[in-house]
Amino acid sequence: MQITFWGVRGSYPVPGPQTVRYGGQTSCVEVRSSGGGCLILDAGTGLRALGQKLARESGGAAGRYHVLLSHVHWDHIQGLPFFEPAYIPGTTIAVYALLTAADELQQVIGGITRHEFFPVPLDSVPAHFQYHEVEPGVRMTLGEFLVLPIALNHPFGAVGYRIDCDGASVAYVADTAPFTDVLHKQHFLRGLEPLSDADRETLAQIRADLVKAITRCDTVIYDTHFLPDEYKRFPHYGHSTPEHALALCVEAKVRRLVLYHHAPGHSDDLMDQVAKDYAAQGEAVGVEVITSFEGMELDIEGAP
């Protein structure tokens, strides 16, 4: 497998002079099999450039694309109206996400192109959109890929994905809070709320299921939006730190951790320091830690 990072930011896009090296587009990762199969992880603003590449590769011919969403917050779906294959007749775009019903997913995705916001409704573009609800723990086969959705801890719900193909594995874990301070449910949090015993049991189960799902993964892409001092100020926002991610990956015997979903306020210079510091921390515990940047390509190979 090979993965390409088309957007690595969280919250909102920040292209500009302070983000030239790491990029300013929001979440979007392309996964390719050795046989040419393609999965798209999240549809943030990075999806626009990916769509242009896919349209060039196809010569403008129709295709079928699988888009796996972690959740439907804006920074993970705003690229969909600008996805060039959506304007190619005969194309099918299958969208997968965690929601209570497939028709609700269609309503949410279609809502970003209501006439108040965008001139072309998604149900009017030449491509055909399909909507599929995913269930954590229930595997799906999408072409050459075996995909396992994983429950995460994020406001109003989110899922990660473990993807196995070509004898290798990659996990995509964005967005999630850690599993100690807050249990995110279906309401907005203004700050930390007291945890009941049942809440703590739920958090422990989510964490255990995540560790099991990513165990011995060759590469894990993880939400490391906050640095430790930032997390202390905003523990209820639904994001993690590199320390949280690294501890989980050590426990799960992961070979490589990719820091991802960078905070929009983190400049290139700060990200350089983050990359250096956490590469050293990872080396000390036997996990390769690299920091994602826009345009980065990684080969995912299974353990020898």
Protein backbone atom coordinates (compact mmCIF):
# COMPACT_ATOMS: atom_id res chain seq x y z
CA MET A 1 0.00 0.00 0.00
CA GLN A 2 0.94 3.61 -0.44
CA ILE A 3 -0.64 6.59 1.31
CA THR A 4 -0.53 10.24 0.29
CA PHE A 5 -1.45 13.13 2.57
CA TRP A 6 -3.51 15.82 0.80
CA GLY A 7 -4.57 17.70 3.94
CA VAL A 8 -3.12 17.43 7.45
CA ARG A 9 -4.72 20.33 9.38
CA GLY A 10 -7.61 20.28 11.80
CA SER A 11 -10.47 22.74 12.36
CA TYR A 12 -10.08 25.03 9.34
CA PRO A 13 -7.69 25.58 6.42
CA VAL A 14 -4.71 27.88 6.98
CA PRO A 15 -2.69 28.17 3.75
CA GLY A 16 -0.18 30.98 4.04
CA PRO A 17 3.45 31.92 4.63
CA GLN A 18 3.57 30.26 8.07
CA THR A 19 2.33 26.86 6.79
CA VAL A 20 4.22 26.43 3.52
CA ARG A 21 6.18 23.31 4.50
CA TYR A 22 3.50 21.36 6.36
CA GLY A 23 0.50 22.67 4.44
CA GLY A 24 -2.73 24.36 5.37
CA GLN A 25 -5.45 22.12 3.91
CA THR A 26 -7.73 20.05 6.14
CA SER A 27 -8.03 16.31 6.53
CA CYS A 28 -7.70 14.11 3.45
CA VAL A 29 -5.57 10.99 2.90
CA GLU A 30 -5.37 8.81 -0.21
CA VAL A 31 -4.74 5.07 0.20
CA ARG A 32 -3.58 3.06 -2.83
CA SER A 33 -3.18 -0.68 -3.22
CA SER A 34 -0.52 -2.30 -5.38
CA GLY A 35 -3.31 -3.19 -7.79
CA GLY A 36 -4.42 0.42 -8.17
CA GLY A 37 -7.38 0.37 -5.79
CA CYS A 38 -8.13 3.66 -4.04
CA LEU A 39 -9.69 4.68 -0.74
CA ILE A 40 -10.13 8.28 0.37
CA LEU A 41 -10.00 8.99 4.10
CA ASP A 42 -11.92 12.15 4.93
CA ALA A 43 -13.00 14.89 2.54
CA GLY A 44 -11.55 18.09 3.94
CA THR A 45 -10.23 20.86 1.74
CA GLY A 46 -7.31 18.66 0.70
CA LEU A 47 -9.80 16.66 -1.38
CA ARG A 48 -9.82 19.33 -4.09
CA ALA A 49 -6.22 18.70 -5.18
CA LEU A 50 -6.69 14.94 -4.90
CA GLY A 51 -9.76 15.15 -7.12
CA GLN A 52 -7.81 17.06 -9.74
CA LYS A 53 -5.15 14.35 -9.75
CA LEU A 54 -7.70 11.54 -10.01
CA ALA A 55 -9.46 13.27 -12.91
CA ARG A 56 -6.14 13.65 -14.74
CA GLU A 57 -5.25 10.02 -14.15
CA SER A 58 -8.58 8.82 -15.52
CA GLY A 59 -8.42 11.10 -18.54
CA GLY A 60 -11.85 12.39 -17.56
CA ALA A 61 -13.40 8.90 -17.61
CA ALA A 62 -16.02 7.81 -15.09
CA GLY A 63 -14.88 5.89 -12.03
CA ARG A 64 -15.97 4.63 -8.63
CA TYR A 65 -14.59 6.21 -5.47
CA HIS A 66 -14.91 5.18 -1.83
CA VAL A 67 -14.80 8.08 0.66
CA LEU A 68 -14.54 7.03 4.32
CA LEU A 69 -15.42 9.84 6.71
CA SER A 70 -14.29 9.91 10.31
CA HIS A 71 -17.25 12.22 11.02
CA VAL A 72 -19.10 15.09 9.39
CA HIS A 73 -17.62 18.18 10.99
CA TRP A 74 -16.82 20.85 8.42
CA ASP A 75 -13.07 20.30 8.27
CA HIS A 76 -13.71 16.72 7.16
CA ILE A 77 -16.35 17.28 4.44
CA GLN A 78 -15.84 20.71 2.89
CA GLY A 79 -13.89 19.35 -0.05
CA LEU A 80 -16.79 17.32 -1.43
CA PRO A 81 -18.39 20.10 -3.54
CA PHE A 82 -14.97 20.73 -5.11
CA PHE A 83 -14.13 17.07 -5.87
CA GLU A 84 -13.59 17.10 -9.63
CA PRO A 85 -14.78 13.51 -10.32
CA ALA A 86 -18.21 14.57 -8.99
CA TYR A 87 -18.64 16.52 -12.23
CA ILE A 88 -17.83 13.56 -14.51
CA PRO A 89 -20.96 11.76 -15.81
CA GLY A 90 -21.17 8.10 -14.85
CA THR A 91 -18.98 8.45 -11.78
CA THR A 92 -20.12 6.87 -8.50
CA ILE A 93 -18.98 8.29 -5.16
CA ALA A 94 -19.73 6.04 -2.19
CA VAL A 95 -19.59 7.91 1.13
CA TYR A 96 -19.25 5.99 4.41
CA ALA A 97 -19.76 7.50 7.86
CA LEU A 98 -21.08 6.91 11.36
CA LEU A 99 -24.66 8.14 11.60
CA THR A 100 -27.98 6.76 12.74
CA ALA A 101 -29.32 6.23 9.23
CA ALA A 102 -28.08 6.41 5.65
CA ASP A 103 -30.75 8.96 4.71
CA GLU A 104 -29.54 11.20 7.55
CA LEU A 105 -26.02 11.02 6.13
CA GLN A 106 -27.39 12.03 2.73
CA GLN A 107 -29.19 14.96 4.36
CA VAL A 108 -26.05 16.13 6.19
CA ILE A 109 -23.74 15.86 3.18
CA GLY A 110 -26.30 17.39 0.85
CA GLY A 111 -26.82 20.23 3.31
CA ILE A 112 -23.39 21.73 2.61
CA THR A 113 -24.54 22.50 -0.95
CA ARG A 114 -27.92 24.01 -0.18
CA HIS A 115 -28.65 26.99 -2.40
CA GLU A 116 -27.86 29.40 0.42
CA PHE A 117 -24.29 28.12 0.54
CA PHE A 118 -23.32 26.76 -2.88
CA PRO A 119 -24.62 27.16 -6.44
CA VAL A 120 -24.73 23.44 -7.36
CA PRO A 121 -26.56 20.95 -5.12
CA LEU A 122 -24.80 17.60 -4.81
CA ASP A 123 -27.92 15.83 -6.02
CA SER A 124 -27.63 17.82 -9.27
CA VAL A 125 -24.02 17.01 -10.17
CA PRO A 126 -23.38 14.44 -12.94
CA ALA A 127 -21.90 11.87 -10.55
CA HIS A 128 -24.07 9.59 -8.43
CA PHE A 129 -23.58 9.72 -4.65
CA GLN A 130 -24.25 6.68 -2.49
CA TYR A 131 -24.41 6.84 1.32
CA HIS A 132 -23.52 4.03 3.71
CA GLU A 133 -23.62 3.92 7.49
CA VAL A 134 -20.71 2.15 9.16
CA GLU A 135 -20.81 0.25 12.43
CA PRO A 136 -17.77 0.04 14.70
CA GLY A 137 -16.44 -3.50 14.86
CA VAL A 138 -18.17 -4.64 11.66
CA ARG A 139 -15.70 -5.21 8.83
CA MET A 140 -16.31 -4.15 5.25
CA THR A 141 -14.66 -5.32 2.05
CA LEU A 142 -14.17 -2.48 -0.42
CA GLY A 143 -12.45 -3.83 -3.50
CA GLU A 144 -9.01 -5.03 -2.41
CA PHE A 145 -9.29 -3.44 1.04
CA LEU A 146 -10.53 -4.98 4.28
CA VAL A 147 -11.81 -2.10 6.42
CA LEU A 148 -12.62 -2.18 10.14
CA PRO A 149 -14.44 0.86 11.59
CA ILE A 150 -13.36 1.77 15.14
CA ALA A 151 -15.33 3.83 17.67
CA LEU A 152 -13.57 7.01 18.85
CA ASN A 153 -14.18 9.64 21.54
CA HIS A 154 -15.24 12.86 19.82
CA PRO A 155 -18.19 15.26 20.12
CA PHE A 156 -21.31 13.70 18.54
CA GLY A 157 -19.35 10.59 17.52
CA ALA A 158 -16.53 9.66 15.17
CA VAL A 159 -14.87 6.54 13.82
CA GLY A 160 -11.38 5.51 12.86
CA TYR A 161 -10.54 2.83 10.33
CA ARG A 162 -8.07 -0.03 10.18
CA ILE A 163 -7.28 -0.93 6.59
CA ASP A 164 -5.59 -4.19 5.58
CA CYS A 165 -4.33 -4.78 2.05
CA ASP A 166 -1.25 -6.13 0.27
CA GLY A 167 -0.13 -7.90 3.44
CA ALA A 168 0.13 -4.59 5.31
CA SER A 169 -2.05 -2.47 7.60
CA VAL A 170 -2.69 1.19 8.28
CA ALA A 171 -5.03 2.75 10.83
CA TYR A 172 -6.60 6.20 10.58
CA VAL A 173 -7.53 7.66 13.97
CA ALA A 174 -8.97 11.17 13.53
CA ASP A 175 -10.58 12.75 15.53
CA THR A 176 -10.45 11.54 19.11
CA ALA A 177 -9.93 12.72 22.64
CA PRO A 178 -8.05 10.48 25.07
CA PHE A 179 -10.01 8.16 27.32
CA THR A 180 -9.52 9.60 30.80
CA ASP A 181 -10.98 13.07 31.21
CA VAL A 182 -14.19 13.28 29.19
CA LEU A 183 -16.71 11.03 27.45
CA HIS A 184 -18.12 12.81 24.44
CA LYS A 185 -21.82 12.26 23.83
CA GLN A 186 -24.54 13.89 21.76
CA HIS A 187 -24.33 17.36 23.25
CA PHE A 188 -21.98 20.32 23.31
CA LEU A 189 -19.56 20.55 26.23
CA ARG A 190 -18.58 23.95 27.63
CA GLY A 191 -15.99 22.29 29.83
CA LEU A 192 -15.27 19.08 31.67
CA GLU A 193 -18.26 17.28 33.15
CA PRO A 194 -18.12 14.79 36.03
CA LEU A 195 -17.68 11.20 34.90
CA SER A 196 -19.96 8.52 36.28
CA ASP A 197 -18.77 4.97 36.86
CA ALA A 198 -20.65 3.97 33.72
CA ASP A 199 -18.87 6.71 31.76
CA ARG A 200 -15.49 5.44 32.93
CA GLU A 201 -16.41 1.91 31.94
CA THR A 202 -17.46 3.14 28.49
CA LEU A 203 -14.20 5.05 28.05
CA ALA A 204 -12.18 2.02 29.11
CA GLN A 205 -14.05 -0.14 26.61
CA ILE A 206 -13.56 2.34 23.74
CA ARG A 207 -9.85 2.48 24.52
CA ALA A 208 -9.53 -1.30 24.78
CA ASP A 209 -11.33 -1.77 21.46
CA LEU A 210 -9.07 0.81 19.81
CA VAL A 211 -5.90 -0.82 21.13
CA LYS A 212 -7.13 -4.20 19.92
CA ALA A 213 -8.03 -2.82 16.49
CA ILE A 214 -4.64 -1.20 15.87
CA THR A 215 -2.53 -3.94 17.45
CA ARG A 216 0.60 -4.60 15.35
CA CYS A 217 -0.47 -2.11 12.70
CA ASP A 218 2.37 -1.17 10.40
CA THR A 219 1.35 2.51 10.46
CA VAL A 220 -1.11 4.48 12.59
CA ILE A 221 -2.20 8.01 11.61
CA TYR A 222 -3.39 9.71 14.80
CA ASP A 223 -5.06 12.96 15.83
CA THR A 224 -2.34 14.88 17.68
CA HIS A 225 -3.96 18.29 17.39
CA PHE A 226 -2.81 19.60 20.77
CA LEU A 227 0.51 19.94 22.52
CA PRO A 228 0.32 19.03 26.23
CA ASP A 229 -0.12 22.58 27.54
CA GLU A 230 -2.85 23.24 24.97
CA TYR A 231 -4.70 20.07 25.93
CA LYS A 232 -4.76 21.18 29.57
CA ARG A 233 -6.69 24.29 28.51
CA PHE A 234 -9.07 22.52 26.13
CA PRO A 235 -9.56 18.91 27.28
CA HIS A 236 -13.21 19.00 26.22
CA TYR A 237 -12.52 19.82 22.55
CA GLY A 238 -12.19 16.19 21.46
CA HIS A 239 -8.53 15.97 20.41
CA SER A 240 -5.36 14.28 21.62
CA THR A 241 -1.65 15.00 22.03
CA PRO A 242 1.38 13.15 20.67
CA GLU A 243 1.92 11.71 24.17
CA HIS A 244 -1.56 10.17 24.14
CA ALA A 245 -1.00 8.70 20.68
CA LEU A 246 2.46 7.35 21.43
CA ALA A 247 1.36 5.63 24.64
CA LEU A 248 -1.45 3.89 22.78
CA CYS A 249 0.86 2.82 19.96
CA VAL A 250 3.44 1.42 22.37
CA GLU A 251 0.73 -0.63 24.06
CA ALA A 252 -0.57 -1.87 20.69
CA LYS A 253 2.94 -2.72 19.41
CA VAL A 254 2.57 -0.38 16.42
CA ARG A 255 5.60 0.02 14.18
CA ARG A 256 5.08 3.62 12.99
CA LEU A 257 3.05 6.57 14.31
CA VAL A 258 2.18 9.50 12.04
CA LEU A 259 1.27 12.77 13.80
CA TYR A 260 -1.75 14.30 12.06
CA HIS A 261 -4.61 16.83 12.31
CA HIS A 262 -2.24 19.63 13.27
CA ALA A 263 -3.72 22.65 15.04
CA PRO A 264 -4.25 25.55 12.61
CA GLY A 265 -2.14 27.85 14.78
CA HIS A 266 0.94 25.63 14.64
CA SER A 267 3.48 27.25 12.31
CA ASP A 268 6.08 25.43 10.22
CA ASP A 269 8.78 26.35 12.73
CA LEU A 270 6.76 24.93 15.61
CA MET A 271 5.97 21.79 13.61
CA ASP A 272 9.69 21.31 12.91
CA GLN A 273 10.29 21.26 16.66
CA VAL A 274 7.35 18.91 17.23
CA ALA A 275 8.71 16.54 14.58
CA LYS A 276 12.17 16.53 16.16
CA ASP A 277 10.99 16.12 19.75
CA TYR A 278 8.56 13.29 19.14
CA ALA A 279 10.81 11.40 16.74
CA ALA A 280 13.26 11.21 19.63
CA GLN A 281 10.56 10.16 22.09
CA GLY A 282 9.38 7.47 19.71
CA GLU A 283 12.89 6.15 19.16
CA ALA A 284 13.29 5.77 22.92
CA VAL A 285 10.30 3.40 23.08
CA GLY A 286 10.74 1.57 19.77
CA VAL A 287 8.13 3.37 17.65
CA GLU A 288 9.04 5.33 14.54
CA VAL A 289 7.31 8.73 14.84
CA ILE A 290 7.00 10.99 11.84
CA THR A 291 5.04 14.20 11.37
CA SER A 292 2.72 14.41 8.37
CA PHE A 293 2.90 17.21 5.85
CA GLU A 294 0.87 18.00 2.77
CA GLY A 295 2.12 15.94 -0.17
CA MET A 296 3.90 13.35 1.98
CA GLU A 297 3.90 9.82 0.54
CA LEU A 298 4.51 6.70 2.61
CA ASP A 299 4.93 3.10 1.54
CA ILE A 300 3.14 0.77 3.94
CA GLU A 301 4.83 -2.61 4.11
CA GLY A 302 4.04 -5.52 6.37
CA ALA A 303 6.44 -6.72 9.02
CA PRO A 304 9.08 -9.13 7.68
